[in-house]
C-alpha atoms as a PDB file:
ATOM      1  CA  UNK A   1      93.098  95.775  87.160  1.00  0.00           C
ATOM      2  CA  UNK A   2      96.267  93.954  85.776  1.00  0.00           C
ATOM      3  CA  UNK A   3      98.472  91.656  87.938  1.00  0.00           C
ATOM      4  CA  UNK A   4     101.689  90.396  87.477  1.00  0.00           C
ATOM      5  CA  UNK A   5     102.984  87.380  88.196  1.00  0.00           C
ATOM      6  CA  UNK A   6     106.863  86.306  88.602  1.00  0.00           C
ATOM      7  CA  UNK A   7     107.520  83.123  87.443  1.00  0.00           C
ATOM      8  CA  UNK A   8     111.004  81.172  88.204  1.00  0.00           C
ATOM      9  CA  UNK A   9     112.102  78.920  85.113  1.00  0.00           C
ATOM     10  CA  UNK A  10     115.311  77.748  85.041  1.00  0.00           C
ATOM     11  CA  UNK A  11     116.858  80.600  87.394  1.00  0.00           C
ATOM     12  CA  UNK A  12     115.176  83.230  84.899  1.00  0.00           C
ATOM     13  CA  UNK A  13     112.485  85.482  86.351  1.00  0.00           C
ATOM     14  CA  UNK A  14     110.043  87.082  83.867  1.00  0.00           C
ATOM     15  CA  UNK A  15     106.778  88.863  84.425  1.00  0.00           C
ATOM     16  CA  UNK A  16     103.714  87.617  83.095  1.00  0.00           C
ATOM     17  CA  UNK A  17     100.671  89.645  82.533  1.00  0.00           C
ATOM     18  CA  UNK A  18      97.330  88.124  83.718  1.00  0.00           C
ATOM     19  CA  UNK A  19      94.210  89.183  82.332  1.00  0.00           C
ATOM     20  CA  UNK A  20      91.396  90.561  84.478  1.00  0.00           C
ATOM     21  CA  UNK A  21      89.126  88.912  82.072  1.00  0.00           C
ATOM     22  CA  UNK A  22      89.949  85.491  83.176  1.00  0.00           C
ATOM     23  CA  UNK A  23      88.912  86.047  86.820  1.00  0.00           C
ATOM     24  CA  UNK A  24      85.497  87.810  85.466  1.00  0.00           C
ATOM     25  CA  UNK A  25      84.450  84.554  83.816  1.00  0.00           C
ATOM     26  CA  UNK A  26      82.670  83.232  86.867  1.00  0.00           C
ATOM     27  CA  UNK A  27      80.858  86.649  87.522  1.00  0.00           C
ATOM     28  CA  UNK A  28      79.467  86.905  83.791  1.00  0.00           C
ATOM     29  CA  UNK A  29      77.455  83.174  84.557  1.00  0.00           C
ATOM     30  CA  UNK A  30      74.618  82.438  86.829  1.00  0.00           C
ATOM     31  CA  UNK A  31      75.781  80.383  89.659  1.00  0.00           C
ATOM     32  CA  UNK A  32      72.670  77.894  89.210  1.00  0.00           C
ATOM     33  CA  UNK A  33      72.361  77.418  85.235  1.00  0.00           C
ATOM     34  CA  UNK A  34      70.862  74.390  83.842  1.00  0.00           C
ATOM     35  CA  UNK A  35      72.028  72.584  80.646  1.00  0.00           C
ATOM     36  CA  UNK A  36      69.181  69.678  79.779  1.00  0.00           C
ATOM     37  CA  UNK A  37      69.951  67.291  77.221  1.00  0.00           C
ATOM     38  CA  UNK A  38      66.937  65.418  75.520  1.00  0.00           C
ATOM     39  CA  UNK A  39      67.836  62.551  74.061  1.00  0.00           C
ATOM     40  CA  UNK A  40      65.192  62.080  71.317  1.00  0.00           C
ATOM     41  CA  UNK A  41      66.755  60.103  68.407  1.00  0.00           C
ATOM     42  CA  UNK A  42      67.221  56.259  68.015  1.00  0.00           C
ATOM     43  CA  UNK A  43      70.535  56.888  66.393  1.00  0.00           C
ATOM     44  CA  UNK A  44      72.178  59.701  68.173  1.00  0.00           C
ATOM     45  CA  UNK A  45      72.475  59.978  72.101  1.00  0.00           C
ATOM     46  CA  UNK A  46      73.834  63.604  73.268  1.00  0.00           C
ATOM     47  CA  UNK A  47      75.895  64.027  76.358  1.00  0.00           C
ATOM     48  CA  UNK A  48      78.282  66.583  78.360  1.00  0.00           C
ATOM     49  CA  UNK A  49      76.107  69.835  77.325  1.00  0.00           C
ATOM     50  CA  UNK A  50      77.502  72.919  78.460  1.00  0.00           C
ATOM     51  CA  UNK A  51      76.927  76.783  77.861  1.00  0.00           C
ATOM     52  CA  UNK A  52      78.678  79.853  79.737  1.00  0.00           C
ATOM     53  CA  UNK A  53      79.523  83.046  78.599  1.00  0.00           C
ATOM     54  CA  UNK A  54      83.596  82.923  78.540  1.00  0.00           C
ATOM     55  CA  UNK A  55      86.513  85.020  77.528  1.00  0.00           C
ATOM     56  CA  UNK A  56      88.144  84.642  74.664  1.00  0.00           C
ATOM     57  CA  UNK A  57      89.705  86.169  71.338  1.00  0.00           C
ATOM     58  CA  UNK A  58      89.424  89.657  73.415  1.00  0.00           C
ATOM     59  CA  UNK A  59      85.859  89.367  74.296  1.00  0.00           C
ATOM     60  CA  UNK A  60      82.888  87.312  76.541  1.00  0.00           C
ATOM     61  CA  UNK A  61      80.733  85.419  74.153  1.00  0.00           C
ATOM     62  CA  UNK A  62      78.422  82.299  74.639  1.00  0.00           C
ATOM     63  CA  UNK A  63      80.180  79.330  74.518  1.00  0.00           C
ATOM     64  CA  UNK A  64      78.469  75.771  74.162  1.00  0.00           C
ATOM     65  CA  UNK A  65      79.956  72.414  74.169  1.00  0.00           C
ATOM     66  CA  UNK A  66      78.340  69.053  73.421  1.00  0.00           C
ATOM     67  CA  UNK A  67      79.316  65.666  72.897  1.00  0.00           C
ATOM     68  CA  UNK A  68      77.572  62.609  70.907  1.00  0.00           C
ATOM     69  CA  UNK A  69      77.732  59.247  70.381  1.00  0.00           C
ATOM     70  CA  UNK A  70      76.208  56.824  67.199  1.00  0.00           C
ATOM     71  CA  UNK A  71      74.224  54.430  68.977  1.00  0.00           C
ATOM     72  CA  UNK A  72      72.792  53.029  65.650  1.00  0.00           C
ATOM     73  CA  UNK A  73      73.812  50.440  63.361  1.00  0.00           C
ATOM     74  CA  UNK A  74      74.741  52.714  60.223  1.00  0.00           C
ATOM     75  CA  UNK A  75      76.836  55.550  59.790  1.00  0.00           C
ATOM     76  CA  UNK A  76      75.561  59.070  60.300  1.00  0.00           C
ATOM     77  CA  UNK A  77      76.504  61.775  57.281  1.00  0.00           C
ATOM     78  CA  UNK A  78      75.023  64.196  58.753  1.00  0.00           C
ATOM     79  CA  UNK A  79      72.738  65.567  61.779  1.00  0.00           C
ATOM     80  CA  UNK A  80      71.436  68.643  63.121  1.00  0.00           C
ATOM     81  CA  UNK A  81      70.831  69.392  67.018  1.00  0.00           C
ATOM     82  CA  UNK A  82      68.832  72.515  68.100  1.00  0.00           C
ATOM     83  CA  UNK A  83      69.957  74.456  71.155  1.00  0.00           C
ATOM     84  CA  UNK A  84      67.171  76.719  72.787  1.00  0.00           C
ATOM     85  CA  UNK A  85      68.298  79.142  75.857  1.00  0.00           C
ATOM     86  CA  UNK A  86      65.855  80.751  78.124  1.00  0.00           C
ATOM     87  CA  UNK A  87      66.106  83.768  80.894  1.00  0.00           C
ATOM     88  CA  UNK A  88      66.024  83.785  84.713  1.00  0.00           C
ATOM     89  CA  UNK A  89      62.361  83.925  84.064  1.00  0.00           C
ATOM     90  CA  UNK A  90      61.955  80.934  82.198  1.00  0.00           C
ATOM     91  CA  UNK A  91      61.361  83.181  78.645  1.00  0.00           C
ATOM     92  CA  UNK A  92      63.026  81.888  75.413  1.00  0.00           C
ATOM     93  CA  UNK A  93      66.195  83.743  74.331  1.00  0.00           C
ATOM     94  CA  UNK A  94      66.863  84.736  70.776  1.00  0.00           C
ATOM     95  CA  UNK A  95      70.089  83.006  70.824  1.00  0.00           C
ATOM     96  CA  UNK A  96      70.419  79.070  70.274  1.00  0.00           C
ATOM     97  CA  UNK A  97      69.591  77.892  66.859  1.00  0.00           C
ATOM     98  CA  UNK A  98      70.314  75.079  64.326  1.00  0.00           C
ATOM     99  CA  UNK A  99      73.740  73.641  64.630  1.00  0.00           C
ATOM    100  CA  UNK A 100      74.443  71.224  61.556  1.00  0.00           C
ATOM    101  CA  UNK A 101      77.705  68.485  62.275  1.00  0.00           C
ATOM    102  CA  UNK A 102      78.760  67.424  58.920  1.00  0.00           C
ATOM    103  CA  UNK A 103      79.702  63.855  59.901  1.00  0.00           C
ATOM    104  CA  UNK A 104      81.986  63.529  63.131  1.00  0.00           C
ATOM    105  CA  UNK A 105      82.416  67.019  64.031  1.00  0.00           C
ATOM    106  CA  UNK A 106      82.925  70.509  62.326  1.00  0.00           C
ATOM    107  CA  UNK A 107      86.652  69.674  61.410  1.00  0.00           C
ATOM    108  CA  UNK A 108      85.744  66.216  60.115  1.00  0.00           C
ATOM    109  CA  UNK A 109      83.188  65.210  57.860  1.00  0.00           C
ATOM    110  CA  UNK A 110      83.692  61.598  57.834  1.00  0.00           C
ATOM    111  CA  UNK A 111      80.603  59.701  58.667  1.00  0.00           C
ATOM    112  CA  UNK A 112      80.070  59.068  62.432  1.00  0.00           C
ATOM    113  CA  UNK A 113      80.338  55.230  62.385  1.00  0.00           C
ATOM    114  CA  UNK A 114      78.230  52.941  64.719  1.00  0.00           C
ATOM    115  CA  UNK A 115      79.562  53.145  68.329  1.00  0.00           C
ATOM    116  CA  UNK A 116      81.941  56.310  67.447  1.00  0.00           C
ATOM    117  CA  UNK A 117      81.581  59.597  69.310  1.00  0.00           C
ATOM    118  CA  UNK A 118      82.349  63.176  68.431  1.00  0.00           C
ATOM    119  CA  UNK A 119      82.200  66.778  70.236  1.00  0.00           C
ATOM    120  CA  UNK A 120      82.299  70.029  68.999  1.00  0.00           C
ATOM    121  CA  UNK A 121      81.419  73.840  70.471  1.00  0.00           C
ATOM    122  CA  UNK A 122      79.882  76.773  68.911  1.00  0.00           C
ATOM    123  CA  UNK A 123      80.608  80.636  70.003  1.00  0.00           C
ATOM    124  CA  UNK A 124      78.074  83.090  69.789  1.00  0.00           C
ATOM    125  CA  UNK A 125      79.306  86.771  69.227  1.00  0.00           C
ATOM    126  CA  UNK A 126      78.100  88.032  72.682  1.00  0.00           C
ATOM    127  CA  UNK A 127      77.128  87.445  76.061  1.00  0.00           C
ATOM    128  CA  UNK A 128      73.561  86.097  77.140  1.00  0.00           C
ATOM    129  CA  UNK A 129      71.567  85.823  80.095  1.00  0.00           C
ATOM    130  CA  UNK A 130      71.216  82.575  79.791  1.00  0.00           C
ATOM    131  CA  UNK A 131      69.833  80.594  82.505  1.00  0.00           C
ATOM    132  CA  UNK A 132      68.228  77.470  81.590  1.00  0.00           C
ATOM    133  CA  UNK A 133      69.034  75.520  78.187  1.00  0.00           C
ATOM    134  CA  UNK A 134      68.073  72.809  76.047  1.00  0.00           C
ATOM    135  CA  UNK A 135      69.841  70.602  73.277  1.00  0.00           C
ATOM    136  CA  UNK A 136      67.983  67.727  71.231  1.00  0.00           C
ATOM    137  CA  UNK A 137      68.363  66.064  67.619  1.00  0.00           C
ATOM    138  CA  UNK A 138      66.424  67.790  64.737  1.00  0.00           C
ATOM    139  CA  UNK A 139      67.493  65.525  62.143  1.00  0.00           C
ATOM    140  CA  UNK A 140      69.832  62.765  61.128  1.00  0.00           C
ATOM    141  CA  UNK A 141      70.962  61.533  57.826  1.00  0.00           C
ATOM    142  CA  UNK A 142      72.484  58.291  57.785  1.00  0.00           C
ATOM    143  CA  UNK A 143      74.845  57.187  55.399  1.00  0.00           C
ATOM    144  CA  UNK A 144      72.235  55.093  53.076  1.00  0.00           C
ATOM    145  CA  UNK A 145      70.045  58.185  52.445  1.00  0.00           C
ATOM    146  CA  UNK A 146      67.642  57.555  55.314  1.00  0.00           C
ATOM    147  CA  UNK A 147      66.523  60.886  57.179  1.00  0.00           C
ATOM    148  CA  UNK A 148      65.132  60.947  60.439  1.00  0.00           C
ATOM    149  CA  UNK A 149      63.220  63.948  61.658  1.00  0.00           C
ATOM    150  CA  UNK A 150      62.311  64.638  65.169  1.00  0.00           C
ATOM    151  CA  UNK A 151      58.758  64.596  66.933  1.00  0.00           C
ATOM    152  CA  UNK A 152      57.947  68.614  67.744  1.00  0.00           C
ATOM    153  CA  UNK A 153      55.358  67.146  70.365  1.00  0.00           C
ATOM    154  CA  UNK A 154      57.246  64.867  72.054  1.00  0.00           C
ATOM    155  CA  UNK A 155      60.252  67.455  72.388  1.00  0.00           C
ATOM    156  CA  UNK A 156      57.816  70.118  73.758  1.00  0.00           C
ATOM    157  CA  UNK A 157      56.520  67.554  76.191  1.00  0.00           C
ATOM    158  CA  UNK A 158      59.599  66.777  77.434  1.00  0.00           C
ATOM    159  CA  UNK A 159      60.762  70.477  77.635  1.00  0.00           C
ATOM    160  CA  UNK A 160      57.702  71.062  79.815  1.00  0.00           C
ATOM    161  CA  UNK A 161      58.372  68.371  82.086  1.00  0.00           C
ATOM    162  CA  UNK A 162      62.036  69.490  82.850  1.00  0.00           C
ATOM    163  CA  UNK A 163      60.735  73.109  83.205  1.00  0.00           C
ATOM    164  CA  UNK A 164      57.198  73.294  84.467  1.00  0.00           C
ATOM    165  CA  UNK A 165      57.370  77.338  84.872  1.00  0.00           C
ATOM    166  CA  UNK A 166      57.640  77.592  81.238  1.00  0.00           C
ATOM    167  CA  UNK A 167      55.128  79.515  79.547  1.00  0.00           C
ATOM    168  CA  UNK A 168      56.422  79.735  76.059  1.00  0.00           C
ATOM    169  CA  UNK A 169      58.526  77.335  74.576  1.00  0.00           C
ATOM    170  CA  UNK A 170      59.933  79.257  71.802  1.00  0.00           C
ATOM    171  CA  UNK A 171      60.768  77.960  68.181  1.00  0.00           C
ATOM    172  CA  UNK A 172      61.631  74.737  67.960  1.00  0.00           C
ATOM    173  CA  UNK A 173      62.625  74.823  64.111  1.00  0.00           C
ATOM    174  CA  UNK A 174      64.969  78.204  64.452  1.00  0.00           C
ATOM    175  CA  UNK A 175      66.581  79.326  61.105  1.00  0.00           C
ATOM    176  CA  UNK A 176      63.671  77.592  58.917  1.00  0.00           C
ATOM    177  CA  UNK A 177      62.341  79.848  56.303  1.00  0.00           C
ATOM    178  CA  UNK A 178      59.694  82.140  56.765  1.00  0.00           C
ATOM    179  CA  UNK A 179      60.441  81.707  61.075  1.00  0.00           C
ATOM    180  CA  UNK A 180      62.479  83.152  63.247  1.00  0.00           C
END
């Protein structure tokens, strides 16, 4: 159903079409969905992690938003975060994956200076039955060439602590050669 609304602006009346898809956004997401941040890097702090099936570009798709801050003493050239999604039955979903951030954000490849923040988002091609999600830092490359890599056992333990009912964690290294 398309709703027509009348707007009064400087004495001019006009009809505006309001898409029913906008009203559908809340019906395409689990009300009690949970987004968990695992801050496992000594160089980067993640925050404000959100995910939802949202309407944009003429379709619904899974959208993810995230903020970060360089909490180290050296600029960050690039970093990777991993997002992992689980269905309402605590099973890993195929979506999620590796997200490489080249500096400050996807539109600004300048190194992220100490104390500075950035934010960005991703958009899938379709909706997802995501109920629970986790995000963590997989790798960080500092301006001096140092590369830090996460501890997979520590991340696994944190996921199990946050979601004790989980039976299978899933792939902590998506997009790696030979892994899915």
